[in-house]
C-alpha atoms as a PDB file:
ATOM      1  CA  MET A   1     -19.743  10.731 -20.795  1.00  0.00           C
ATOM      2  CA  ARG A   2     -22.229  10.201 -23.581  1.00  0.00           C
ATOM      3  CA  ARG A   3     -23.795   6.867 -24.459  1.00  0.00           C
ATOM      4  CA  THR A   4     -24.445   6.327 -28.147  1.00  0.00           C
ATOM      5  CA  LEU A   5     -26.038   3.311 -29.764  1.00  0.00           C
ATOM      6  CA  LEU A   6     -23.848   2.172 -32.626  1.00  0.00           C
ATOM      7  CA  GLY A   7     -24.853  -0.119 -35.419  1.00  0.00           C
ATOM      8  CA  GLY A   8     -28.605   0.552 -35.426  1.00  0.00           C
ATOM      9  CA  GLY A   9     -30.249  -2.606 -36.660  1.00  0.00           C
ATOM     10  CA  LEU A  10     -26.948  -4.471 -37.057  1.00  0.00           C
ATOM     11  CA  GLY A  11     -27.297  -6.118 -33.650  1.00  0.00           C
ATOM     12  CA  LEU A  12     -24.051  -4.692 -32.274  1.00  0.00           C
ATOM     13  CA  GLY A  13     -25.655  -3.579 -29.005  1.00  0.00           C
ATOM     14  CA  ALA A  14     -24.944  -0.497 -26.938  1.00  0.00           C
ATOM     15  CA  MET A  15     -21.363   0.749 -26.705  1.00  0.00           C
ATOM     16  CA  TRP A  16     -19.886   3.586 -24.688  1.00  0.00           C
ATOM     17  CA  VAL A  17     -18.168   6.295 -26.715  1.00  0.00           C
ATOM     18  CA  GLY A  18     -15.565   8.525 -25.103  1.00  0.00           C
ATOM     19  CA  GLY A  19     -13.056   7.719 -22.417  1.00  0.00           C
ATOM     20  CA  VAL A  20     -12.410   4.156 -23.642  1.00  0.00           C
ATOM     21  CA  PRO A  21      -9.656   3.895 -26.250  1.00  0.00           C
ATOM     22  CA  GLY A  22     -10.077   1.700 -29.273  1.00  0.00           C
ATOM     23  CA  LEU A  23     -13.850   1.262 -29.239  1.00  0.00           C
ATOM     24  CA  LEU A  24     -14.269   3.117 -32.509  1.00  0.00           C
ATOM     25  CA  GLY A  25     -11.668   1.031 -34.330  1.00  0.00           C
ATOM     26  CA  GLY A  26     -12.390  -1.808 -36.717  1.00  0.00           C
ATOM     27  CA  CYS A  27     -15.189  -3.942 -35.316  1.00  0.00           C
ATOM     28  CA  THR A  28     -14.564  -7.637 -34.621  1.00  0.00           C
ATOM     29  CA  THR A  29     -17.874  -9.180 -33.702  1.00  0.00           C
ATOM     30  CA  THR A  30     -19.041 -12.761 -33.713  1.00  0.00           C
ATOM     31  CA  THR A  31     -22.031 -14.533 -32.252  1.00  0.00           C
ATOM     32  CA  THR A  32     -22.427 -17.514 -29.982  1.00  0.00           C
ATOM     33  CA  PRO A  33     -24.303 -20.565 -31.297  1.00  0.00           C
ATOM     34  CA  GLY A  34     -27.297 -19.135 -29.453  1.00  0.00           C
ATOM     35  CA  GLY A  35     -27.067 -15.853 -31.328  1.00  0.00           C
ATOM     36  CA  VAL A  36     -25.538 -13.665 -28.616  1.00  0.00           C
ATOM     37  CA  PRO A  37     -23.258 -10.988 -30.132  1.00  0.00           C
ATOM     38  CA  ILE A  38     -19.690 -11.087 -28.813  1.00  0.00           C
ATOM     39  CA  ASP A  39     -17.011  -8.464 -29.440  1.00  0.00           C
ATOM     40  CA  THR A  40     -13.595 -10.159 -29.688  1.00  0.00           C
ATOM     41  CA  ARG A  41     -11.325  -7.171 -30.322  1.00  0.00           C
ATOM     42  CA  HIS A  42      -9.650  -7.437 -26.888  1.00  0.00           C
ATOM     43  CA  SER A  43      -7.640 -10.455 -25.781  1.00  0.00           C
ATOM     44  CA  SER A  44      -6.127 -11.136 -22.346  1.00  0.00           C
ATOM     45  CA  ARG A  45      -2.465 -11.988 -21.887  1.00  0.00           C
ATOM     46  CA  GLY A  46      -3.261 -14.220 -18.904  1.00  0.00           C
ATOM     47  CA  GLN A  47      -4.399 -17.377 -20.626  1.00  0.00           C
ATOM     48  CA  ASP A  48      -3.256 -20.753 -21.893  1.00  0.00           C
ATOM     49  CA  SER A  49      -4.746 -24.009 -23.098  1.00  0.00           C
ATOM     50  CA  ARG A  50      -7.004 -26.006 -20.819  1.00  0.00           C
ATOM     51  CA  VAL A  51      -5.203 -29.112 -22.141  1.00  0.00           C
ATOM     52  CA  LEU A  52      -2.346 -30.159 -19.865  1.00  0.00           C
ATOM     53  CA  PHE A  53      -1.933 -33.865 -20.717  1.00  0.00           C
ATOM     54  CA  LEU A  54      -1.887 -36.217 -23.684  1.00  0.00           C
ATOM     55  CA  VAL A  55      -2.898 -39.794 -22.890  1.00  0.00           C
ATOM     56  CA  ILE A  56      -2.215 -42.710 -25.257  1.00  0.00           C
ATOM     57  CA  HIS A  57      -4.370 -45.853 -25.257  1.00  0.00           C
ATOM     58  CA  TYR A  58      -4.908 -49.021 -27.253  1.00  0.00           C
ATOM     59  CA  THR A  59      -8.355 -50.440 -27.963  1.00  0.00           C
ATOM     60  CA  VAL A  60      -7.839 -54.230 -27.568  1.00  0.00           C
ATOM     61  CA  ALA A  61     -10.346 -54.590 -30.412  1.00  0.00           C
ATOM     62  CA  ASP A  62     -10.508 -54.522 -34.191  1.00  0.00           C
ATOM     63  CA  LEU A  63     -11.470 -51.401 -36.140  1.00  0.00           C
ATOM     64  CA  PRO A  64     -15.259 -51.990 -36.477  1.00  0.00           C
ATOM     65  CA  ILE A  65     -15.632 -52.806 -32.789  1.00  0.00           C
ATOM     66  CA  SER A  66     -13.362 -49.917 -31.791  1.00  0.00           C
ATOM     67  CA  ILE A  67     -15.490 -47.430 -33.751  1.00  0.00           C
ATOM     68  CA  LYS A  68     -18.706 -48.864 -32.337  1.00  0.00           C
ATOM     69  CA  VAL A  69     -17.487 -48.772 -28.741  1.00  0.00           C
ATOM     70  CA  LEU A  70     -15.995 -45.289 -28.991  1.00  0.00           C
ATOM     71  CA  THR A  71     -19.010 -43.722 -30.716  1.00  0.00           C
ATOM     72  CA  GLU A  72     -22.022 -45.523 -29.256  1.00  0.00           C
ATOM     73  CA  ASN A  73     -21.070 -46.010 -25.599  1.00  0.00           C
ATOM     74  CA  GLU A  74     -20.117 -43.840 -22.653  1.00  0.00           C
ATOM     75  CA  VAL A  75     -16.443 -44.069 -23.501  1.00  0.00           C
ATOM     76  CA  SER A  76     -14.715 -41.963 -26.123  1.00  0.00           C
ATOM     77  CA  ALA A  77     -11.454 -40.423 -27.279  1.00  0.00           C
ATOM     78  CA  HIS A  78     -10.531 -37.368 -29.268  1.00  0.00           C
ATOM     79  CA  TYR A  79      -8.702 -39.379 -31.916  1.00  0.00           C
ATOM     80  CA  LEU A  80      -8.738 -42.953 -33.183  1.00  0.00           C
ATOM     81  CA  LEU A  81      -5.710 -44.219 -35.117  1.00  0.00           C
ATOM     82  CA  THR A  82      -6.661 -47.188 -37.302  1.00  0.00           C
ATOM     83  CA  ASP A  83      -4.652 -50.306 -38.141  1.00  0.00           C
ATOM     84  CA  GLU A  84      -5.343 -50.003 -41.864  1.00  0.00           C
ATOM     85  CA  THR A  85      -2.684 -49.692 -44.558  1.00  0.00           C
ATOM     86  CA  PRO A  86      -2.085 -46.808 -44.591  1.00  0.00           C
ATOM     87  CA  PRO A  87      -3.579 -45.907 -41.198  1.00  0.00           C
ATOM     88  CA  ARG A  88      -6.279 -43.261 -40.941  1.00  0.00           C
ATOM     89  CA  ILE A  89      -6.920 -40.875 -38.066  1.00  0.00           C
ATOM     90  CA  PHE A  90     -10.535 -40.269 -37.055  1.00  0.00           C
ATOM     91  CA  ARG A  91     -11.466 -37.324 -34.875  1.00  0.00           C
ATOM     92  CA  LEU A  92     -14.286 -38.502 -32.640  1.00  0.00           C
ATOM     93  CA  VAL A  93     -14.445 -35.610 -30.174  1.00  0.00           C
ATOM     94  CA  PRO A  94     -13.421 -31.984 -30.866  1.00  0.00           C
ATOM     95  CA  GLU A  95     -10.374 -31.005 -28.825  1.00  0.00           C
ATOM     96  CA  GLU A  96     -12.237 -28.210 -27.053  1.00  0.00           C
ATOM     97  CA  ARG A  97     -14.659 -30.775 -25.594  1.00  0.00           C
ATOM     98  CA  ARG A  98     -14.006 -33.395 -22.946  1.00  0.00           C
ATOM     99  CA  ALA A  99     -13.680 -36.996 -24.116  1.00  0.00           C
ATOM    100  CA  TRP A 100     -14.379 -39.807 -21.672  1.00  0.00           C
ATOM    101  CA  HIS A 101     -11.166 -41.764 -22.070  1.00  0.00           C
ATOM    102  CA  SER A 102      -9.245 -41.821 -18.774  1.00  0.00           C
ATOM    103  CA  GLY A 103     -11.860 -42.413 -16.090  1.00  0.00           C
ATOM    104  CA  PRO A 104     -10.456 -42.375 -12.547  1.00  0.00           C
ATOM    105  CA  SER A 105      -6.974 -41.058 -13.259  1.00  0.00           C
ATOM    106  CA  ALA A 106      -4.218 -39.035 -11.645  1.00  0.00           C
ATOM    107  CA  TRP A 107      -0.693 -37.757 -12.219  1.00  0.00           C
ATOM    108  CA  LYS A 108       1.436 -35.589  -9.932  1.00  0.00           C
ATOM    109  CA  GLY A 109      -1.519 -34.345  -7.948  1.00  0.00           C
ATOM    110  CA  HIS A 110      -3.797 -33.750 -10.925  1.00  0.00           C
ATOM    111  CA  ARG A 111      -6.906 -35.912 -10.841  1.00  0.00           C
ATOM    112  CA  LEU A 112      -9.768 -36.834 -13.163  1.00  0.00           C
ATOM    113  CA  LEU A 113      -7.672 -36.062 -16.213  1.00  0.00           C
ATOM    114  CA  ASN A 114     -10.527 -36.218 -18.731  1.00  0.00           C
ATOM    115  CA  ALA A 115     -11.100 -32.521 -18.074  1.00  0.00           C
ATOM    116  CA  SER A 116      -7.486 -31.550 -18.832  1.00  0.00           C
ATOM    117  CA  SER A 117      -6.294 -34.031 -21.438  1.00  0.00           C
ATOM    118  CA  ILE A 118      -6.545 -35.180 -25.026  1.00  0.00           C
ATOM    119  CA  GLY A 119      -6.899 -38.910 -25.595  1.00  0.00           C
ATOM    120  CA  ILE A 120      -5.633 -40.940 -28.540  1.00  0.00           C
ATOM    121  CA  GLU A 121      -6.852 -44.508 -29.025  1.00  0.00           C
ATOM    122  CA  ILE A 122      -4.803 -46.833 -31.235  1.00  0.00           C
ATOM    123  CA  VAL A 123      -6.551 -49.791 -32.845  1.00  0.00           C
ATOM    124  CA  HIS A 124      -4.427 -52.630 -31.535  1.00  0.00           C
ATOM    125  CA  PRO A 125      -5.116 -56.095 -30.068  1.00  0.00           C
ATOM    126  CA  GLY A 126      -2.855 -55.457 -27.092  1.00  0.00           C
ATOM    127  CA  PHE A 127      -1.872 -59.012 -26.295  1.00  0.00           C
ATOM    128  CA  ARG A 128      -2.641 -62.664 -26.814  1.00  0.00           C
ATOM    129  CA  LEU A 129      -2.639 -65.381 -24.201  1.00  0.00           C
ATOM    130  CA  GLY A 130       0.255 -67.845 -24.162  1.00  0.00           C
ATOM    131  CA  PRO A 131       0.015 -71.577 -23.464  1.00  0.00           C
ATOM    132  CA  ASP A 132       0.174 -71.011 -19.706  1.00  0.00           C
ATOM    133  CA  GLY A 133      -2.286 -68.114 -19.745  1.00  0.00           C
ATOM    134  CA  GLU A 134       0.415 -65.457 -19.694  1.00  0.00           C
ATOM    135  CA  ARG A 135       0.007 -62.277 -21.696  1.00  0.00           C
ATOM    136  CA  ILE A 136       2.176 -61.978 -24.787  1.00  0.00           C
ATOM    137  CA  TYR A 137       2.113 -58.326 -25.846  1.00  0.00           C
ATOM    138  CA  LEU A 138       2.093 -57.675 -29.578  1.00  0.00           C
ATOM    139  CA  PRO A 139       4.195 -55.067 -31.415  1.00  0.00           C
ATOM    140  CA  PHE A 140       2.820 -51.930 -33.023  1.00  0.00           C
ATOM    141  CA  PRO A 141       3.054 -51.775 -36.828  1.00  0.00           C
ATOM    142  CA  GLN A 142       5.619 -49.205 -37.914  1.00  0.00           C
ATOM    143  CA  ALA A 143       3.010 -47.522 -40.119  1.00  0.00           C
ATOM    144  CA  GLN A 144       0.911 -46.786 -37.044  1.00  0.00           C
ATOM    145  CA  ILE A 145       3.839 -45.258 -35.183  1.00  0.00           C
ATOM    146  CA  ASP A 146       4.766 -43.200 -38.265  1.00  0.00           C
ATOM    147  CA  ALA A 147       1.208 -41.820 -38.336  1.00  0.00           C
ATOM    148  CA  LEU A 148       1.072 -41.268 -34.580  1.00  0.00           C
ATOM    149  CA  ILE A 149       4.256 -39.205 -34.256  1.00  0.00           C
ATOM    150  CA  PRO A 150       3.114 -36.168 -36.311  1.00  0.00           C
ATOM    151  CA  LEU A 151      -0.308 -36.242 -34.631  1.00  0.00           C
ATOM    152  CA  VAL A 152       1.306 -36.151 -31.188  1.00  0.00           C
ATOM    153  CA  ARG A 153       3.714 -33.414 -32.239  1.00  0.00           C
ATOM    154  CA  ASP A 154       0.877 -31.322 -33.637  1.00  0.00           C
ATOM    155  CA  ILE A 155      -1.269 -31.616 -30.493  1.00  0.00           C
ATOM    156  CA  VAL A 156       1.666 -30.963 -28.179  1.00  0.00           C
ATOM    157  CA  ALA A 157       2.769 -27.879 -30.125  1.00  0.00           C
ATOM    158  CA  ARG A 158      -0.685 -26.305 -30.275  1.00  0.00           C
ATOM    159  CA  HIS A 159      -1.460 -26.845 -26.590  1.00  0.00           C
ATOM    160  CA  GLU A 160       2.122 -26.450 -25.317  1.00  0.00           C
ATOM    161  CA  ILE A 161       1.914 -29.760 -23.459  1.00  0.00           C
ATOM    162  CA  ARG A 162       5.024 -30.481 -21.410  1.00  0.00           C
ATOM    163  CA  PRO A 163       7.006 -33.599 -22.420  1.00  0.00           C
ATOM    164  CA  ASP A 164       6.540 -35.168 -18.972  1.00  0.00           C
ATOM    165  CA  ARG A 165       2.775 -34.962 -19.408  1.00  0.00           C
ATOM    166  CA  ILE A 166       2.657 -37.272 -22.426  1.00  0.00           C
ATOM    167  CA  LEU A 167       1.589 -40.493 -20.742  1.00  0.00           C
ATOM    168  CA  GLY A 168       0.053 -43.904 -21.197  1.00  0.00           C
ATOM    169  CA  HIS A 169      -3.327 -44.868 -19.825  1.00  0.00           C
ATOM    170  CA  GLY A 170      -1.646 -47.382 -17.537  1.00  0.00           C
ATOM    171  CA  GLU A 171       0.430 -44.633 -15.961  1.00  0.00           C
ATOM    172  CA  VAL A 172      -2.519 -42.428 -15.026  1.00  0.00           C
ATOM    173  CA  SER A 173      -4.847 -45.346 -14.173  1.00  0.00           C
ATOM    174  CA  PRO A 174      -2.446 -48.093 -13.056  1.00  0.00           C
ATOM    175  CA  GLN A 175      -4.887 -50.069 -10.933  1.00  0.00           C
ATOM    176  CA  PHE A 176      -6.949 -51.270 -13.884  1.00  0.00           C
ATOM    177  CA  LYS A 177      -5.097 -50.380 -17.101  1.00  0.00           C
ATOM    178  CA  GLN A 178      -1.800 -51.304 -18.773  1.00  0.00           C
ATOM    179  CA  ASP A 179      -2.058 -49.688 -22.205  1.00  0.00           C
ATOM    180  CA  PRO A 180      -0.298 -48.899 -24.400  1.00  0.00           C
ATOM    181  CA  GLY A 181       1.734 -51.762 -22.950  1.00  0.00           C
ATOM    182  CA  PRO A 182       5.406 -52.758 -23.009  1.00  0.00           C
ATOM    183  CA  THR A 183       5.771 -52.827 -26.801  1.00  0.00           C
ATOM    184  CA  PHE A 184       4.937 -49.147 -27.258  1.00  0.00           C
ATOM    185  CA  PRO A 185       8.139 -47.351 -28.392  1.00  0.00           C
ATOM    186  CA  TRP A 186       8.512 -44.860 -25.557  1.00  0.00           C
ATOM    187  CA  LYS A 187      12.284 -44.774 -26.042  1.00  0.00           C
ATOM    188  CA  LEU A 188      11.830 -43.668 -29.664  1.00  0.00           C
ATOM    189  CA  PHE A 189       9.541 -40.849 -28.539  1.00  0.00           C
ATOM    190  CA  SER A 190      12.235 -39.794 -26.084  1.00  0.00           C
ATOM    191  CA  GLU A 191      14.958 -39.887 -28.743  1.00  0.00           C
ATOM    192  CA  LEU A 192      12.765 -37.683 -30.947  1.00  0.00           C
ATOM    193  CA  GLY A 193      12.495 -35.127 -28.151  1.00  0.00           C
ATOM    194  CA  ILE A 194       8.746 -35.639 -27.732  1.00  0.00           C
ATOM    195  CA  THR A 195       8.948 -37.091 -24.227  1.00  0.00           C
ATOM    196  CA  PRO A 196      11.612 -36.485 -21.541  1.00  0.00           C
ATOM    197  CA  PRO A 197      15.198 -37.760 -21.933  1.00  0.00           C
ATOM    198  CA  TRP A 198      15.655 -41.493 -21.474  1.00  0.00           C
ATOM    199  CA  PRO A 199      17.418 -42.606 -18.286  1.00  0.00           C
ATOM    200  CA  ASP A 200      21.163 -42.451 -18.866  1.00  0.00           C
ATOM    201  CA  ALA A 201      22.429 -46.034 -19.218  1.00  0.00           C
ATOM    202  CA  GLN A 202      25.758 -45.403 -17.455  1.00  0.00           C
ATOM    203  CA  ARG A 203      24.109 -43.766 -14.458  1.00  0.00           C
ATOM    204  CA  VAL A 204      21.548 -46.570 -14.269  1.00  0.00           C
ATOM    205  CA  GLU A 205      24.249 -49.247 -14.358  1.00  0.00           C
ATOM    206  CA  ALA A 206      26.320 -47.495 -11.672  1.00  0.00           C
ATOM    207  CA  GLN A 207      23.304 -47.174  -9.400  1.00  0.00           C
ATOM    208  CA  ARG A 208      22.265 -50.747 -10.066  1.00  0.00           C
ATOM    209  CA  ALA A 209      25.724 -51.953  -9.027  1.00  0.00           C
ATOM    210  CA  LEU A 210      25.320 -50.156  -5.695  1.00  0.00           C
ATOM    211  CA  TYR A 211      21.988 -51.863  -5.076  1.00  0.00           C
ATOM    212  CA  GLU A 212      23.482 -55.272  -5.947  1.00  0.00           C
ATOM    213  CA  ALA A 213      26.764 -54.793  -4.066  1.00  0.00           C
ATOM    214  CA  GLN A 214      25.694 -56.676  -0.973  1.00  0.00           C
ATOM    215  CA  PRO A 215      22.644 -58.291   0.596  1.00  0.00           C
ATOM    216  CA  GLY A 216      20.243 -55.725   1.963  1.00  0.00           C
ATOM    217  CA  ALA A 217      21.410 -52.961  -0.358  1.00  0.00           C
ATOM    218  CA  LEU A 218      18.190 -53.026  -2.406  1.00  0.00           C
ATOM    219  CA  PRO A 219      15.856 -50.230  -1.242  1.00  0.00           C
ATOM    220  CA  ASP A 220      12.850 -51.368   0.751  1.00  0.00           C
ATOM    221  CA  VAL A 221       9.176 -51.189  -0.179  1.00  0.00           C
ATOM    222  CA  PRO A 222       8.518 -47.781   1.469  1.00  0.00           C
ATOM    223  CA  TRP A 223      11.396 -46.351  -0.602  1.00  0.00           C
ATOM    224  CA  PHE A 224       9.854 -47.681  -3.824  1.00  0.00           C
ATOM    225  CA  GLN A 225       6.447 -46.289  -2.924  1.00  0.00           C
ATOM    226  CA  GLU A 226       7.891 -42.870  -2.103  1.00  0.00           C
ATOM    227  CA  MET A 227       9.933 -42.732  -5.310  1.00  0.00           C
ATOM    228  CA  LEU A 228       7.029 -43.893  -7.494  1.00  0.00           C
ATOM    229  CA  ALA A 229       4.858 -41.177  -5.956  1.00  0.00           C
ATOM    230  CA  GLN A 230       7.607 -38.622  -6.548  1.00  0.00           C
ATOM    231  CA  HIS A 231       7.789 -39.698 -10.176  1.00  0.00           C
ATOM    232  CA  GLY A 232       4.076 -38.970 -10.581  1.00  0.00           C
ATOM    233  CA  TYR A 233       2.028 -42.076  -9.854  1.00  0.00           C
ATOM    234  CA  ALA A 234      -0.973 -42.126  -7.561  1.00  0.00           C
ATOM    235  CA  ILE A 235       0.079 -44.795  -5.053  1.00  0.00           C
ATOM    236  CA  GLU A 236      -0.879 -45.515  -1.464  1.00  0.00           C
ATOM    237  CA  LYS A 237       2.150 -45.529   0.831  1.00  0.00           C
ATOM    238  CA  THR A 238       1.164 -48.656   2.738  1.00  0.00           C
ATOM    239  CA  GLY A 239       4.698 -49.924   3.314  1.00  0.00           C
ATOM    240  CA  GLN A 240       3.568 -53.293   1.930  1.00  0.00           C
ATOM    241  CA  LEU A 241       4.251 -55.043  -1.354  1.00  0.00           C
ATOM    242  CA  ASP A 242       0.528 -55.163  -2.064  1.00  0.00           C
ATOM    243  CA  ALA A 243      -1.462 -55.436  -5.284  1.00  0.00           C
ATOM    244  CA  GLN A 244      -1.766 -51.687  -5.803  1.00  0.00           C
ATOM    245  CA  MET A 245       1.998 -51.225  -5.552  1.00  0.00           C
ATOM    246  CA  ARG A 246       2.665 -54.080  -7.963  1.00  0.00           C
ATOM    247  CA  ASN A 247       0.244 -52.556 -10.480  1.00  0.00           C
ATOM    248  CA  VAL A 248       2.055 -49.233 -10.326  1.00  0.00           C
ATOM    249  CA  LEU A 249       5.527 -50.774 -10.523  1.00  0.00           C
ATOM    250  CA  MET A 250       4.428 -52.996 -13.420  1.00  0.00           C
ATOM    251  CA  ASN A 251       3.307 -49.985 -15.436  1.00  0.00           C
ATOM    252  CA  PHE A 252       6.556 -48.201 -14.632  1.00  0.00           C
ATOM    253  CA  GLN A 253       8.534 -51.222 -15.823  1.00  0.00           C
ATOM    254  CA  MET A 254       6.447 -51.476 -18.998  1.00  0.00           C
ATOM    255  CA  ARG A 255       7.614 -48.027 -19.994  1.00  0.00           C
ATOM    256  CA  TYR A 256      11.245 -48.034 -18.834  1.00  0.00           C
ATOM    257  CA  ARG A 257      12.207 -51.727 -18.575  1.00  0.00           C
ATOM    258  CA  PRO A 258       9.784 -53.501 -20.937  1.00  0.00           C
ATOM    259  CA  ALA A 259      11.786 -56.731 -21.136  1.00  0.00           C
ATOM    260  CA  ARG A 260      10.521 -57.690 -17.666  1.00  0.00           C
ATOM    261  CA  HIS A 261       7.464 -56.165 -16.055  1.00  0.00           C
ATOM    262  CA  ASP A 262       6.455 -58.457 -13.217  1.00  0.00           C
ATOM    263  CA  GLY A 263       5.740 -55.626 -10.779  1.00  0.00           C
ATOM    264  CA  LEU A 264       8.374 -56.839  -8.318  1.00  0.00           C
ATOM    265  CA  PRO A 265      11.082 -54.598  -6.851  1.00  0.00           C
ATOM    266  CA  ASP A 266      14.575 -55.257  -8.178  1.00  0.00           C
ATOM    267  CA  ALA A 267      17.884 -53.424  -8.465  1.00  0.00           C
ATOM    268  CA  GLU A 268      17.465 -52.379 -12.086  1.00  0.00           C
ATOM    269  CA  SER A 269      13.993 -50.911 -11.521  1.00  0.00           C
ATOM    270  CA  ALA A 270      15.272 -49.093  -8.442  1.00  0.00           C
ATOM    271  CA  ALA A 271      18.225 -47.697 -10.385  1.00  0.00           C
ATOM    272  CA  ILE A 272      16.037 -46.444 -13.252  1.00  0.00           C
ATOM    273  CA  LEU A 273      13.630 -44.856 -10.792  1.00  0.00           C
ATOM    274  CA  TRP A 274      16.455 -43.151  -8.893  1.00  0.00           C
ATOM    275  CA  VAL A 275      18.014 -41.765 -12.092  1.00  0.00           C
ATOM    276  CA  LEU A 276      14.674 -40.427 -13.319  1.00  0.00           C
ATOM    277  CA  ASN A 277      14.004 -38.701  -9.998  1.00  0.00           C
ATOM    278  CA  ASN A 278      17.543 -37.301  -9.760  1.00  0.00           C
ATOM    279  CA  PRO A 279      18.327 -35.773 -13.143  1.00  0.00           C
ATOM    280  CA  VAL A 280      21.742 -34.285 -13.768  1.00  0.00           C
ATOM    281  CA  PRO A 281      21.476 -30.487 -13.571  1.00  0.00           C
ATOM    282  CA  ALA A 282      21.931 -28.693 -16.843  1.00  0.00           C
ATOM    283  CA  PRO A 283      25.374 -27.100 -17.145  1.00  0.00           C
ATOM    284  CA  GLN A 284      25.435 -23.472 -16.124  1.00  0.00           C
ATOM    285  CA  VAL A 285      26.492 -21.178 -18.942  1.00  0.00           C
ATOM    286  CA  PRO A 286      28.522 -18.264 -17.572  1.00  0.00           C
ATOM    287  CA  PRO A 287      27.312 -14.814 -18.577  1.00  0.00           C
ATOM    288  CA  PRO A 288      29.288 -13.110 -21.348  1.00  0.00           C
ATOM    289  CA  MET A 289      32.213 -11.020 -20.218  1.00  0.00           C
ATOM    290  CA  LEU A 290      31.541  -7.332 -20.679  1.00  0.00           C
ATOM    291  CA  PRO A 291      34.402  -5.072 -21.739  1.00  0.00           C
ATOM    292  CA  ALA A 292      35.796  -2.917 -18.938  1.00  0.00           C
ATOM    293  CA  PRO A 293      34.601   0.673 -19.122  1.00  0.00           C
ATOM    294  CA  ALA A 294      37.128   3.091 -20.581  1.00  0.00           C
ATOM    295  CA  LEU A 295      38.822   5.242 -17.956  1.00  0.00           C
ATOM    296  CA  PRO A 296      38.705   8.986 -18.442  1.00  0.00           C
ATOM    297  CA  PRO A 297      42.072  10.667 -19.154  1.00  0.00           C
ATOM    298  CA  PRO A 298      43.823  12.031 -16.058  1.00  0.00           C
ATOM    299  CA  SER A 299      42.934  15.647 -15.370  1.00  0.00           C
ATOM    300  CA  ARG A 300      45.625  18.348 -15.115  1.00  0.00           C
ATOM    301  CA  ALA A 301      45.915  20.468 -12.064  1.00  0.00           C
ATOM    302  CA  ALA A 302      44.923  24.068 -12.565  1.00  0.00           C
ATOM    303  CA  GLY A 303      47.820  26.406 -13.422  1.00  0.00           C
ATOM    304  CA  THR A 304      50.240  23.684 -14.539  1.00  0.00           C
ATOM    305  CA  THR A 305      51.946  23.640 -17.905  1.00  0.00           C
ATOM    306  CA  GLY A 306      52.811  20.749 -20.130  1.00  0.00           C
END
């Protein structure tokens, strides 16, 4: 084998000629930011995006404060959706870099999701306090949702993010977050095919009736903890209705039963959880029927006449 230096002073480096197909074809060379020449003519089949999750947040601040916090502090997001009319979308962190938006987070065994997610912050006040100190969550302007949907679709398509990995901050960090809260239109995202199918209302009602049929029919706390973990939440299976379980159940209710999200076990929450964890199998489509092979004509015995 003979080694020949190609390119002379063009900075292409040494290449082997002979025995390696394709090296003398059209050259596709780039350089790293540090000036290292890289040949990109070959590409591996075994690859995909590093991005597995999309996490949606709200800022609980106005636009000037949101920009200041997300650009000048040790917290960030890839995108910021404003509350202007019409809304604007700022890119604060390139998608190929890690934004610091989820902190301690987990979903279905994946942890520290900053490294494998894209974060979208929505400028939104979140809630106001009622006369008794209760949180009254505020709706999202339709213009914001109309701007968010194509952004989510674009990110999901480019990174091939699974529908069940489009989540709220409160779902991946339920012990200290609740955003995007109970007024976020998760059901609309489901109806648009962006997130998984919504729990079937008839199945939920039938299961709820079973849990309300008689005293003691409601599943116990260990059942709730097991089912919440199966759904994806990071939850300690303590067997107790403790604060960490209530935080998880509250975030679950905010997404699937937003009318009441007190974090307490009840028949409706149990029914929704059971339906989500026990989806109806997709109908099996039988394979097409193939035509029977044609039979050869019967052979005549030797020496016979017609």
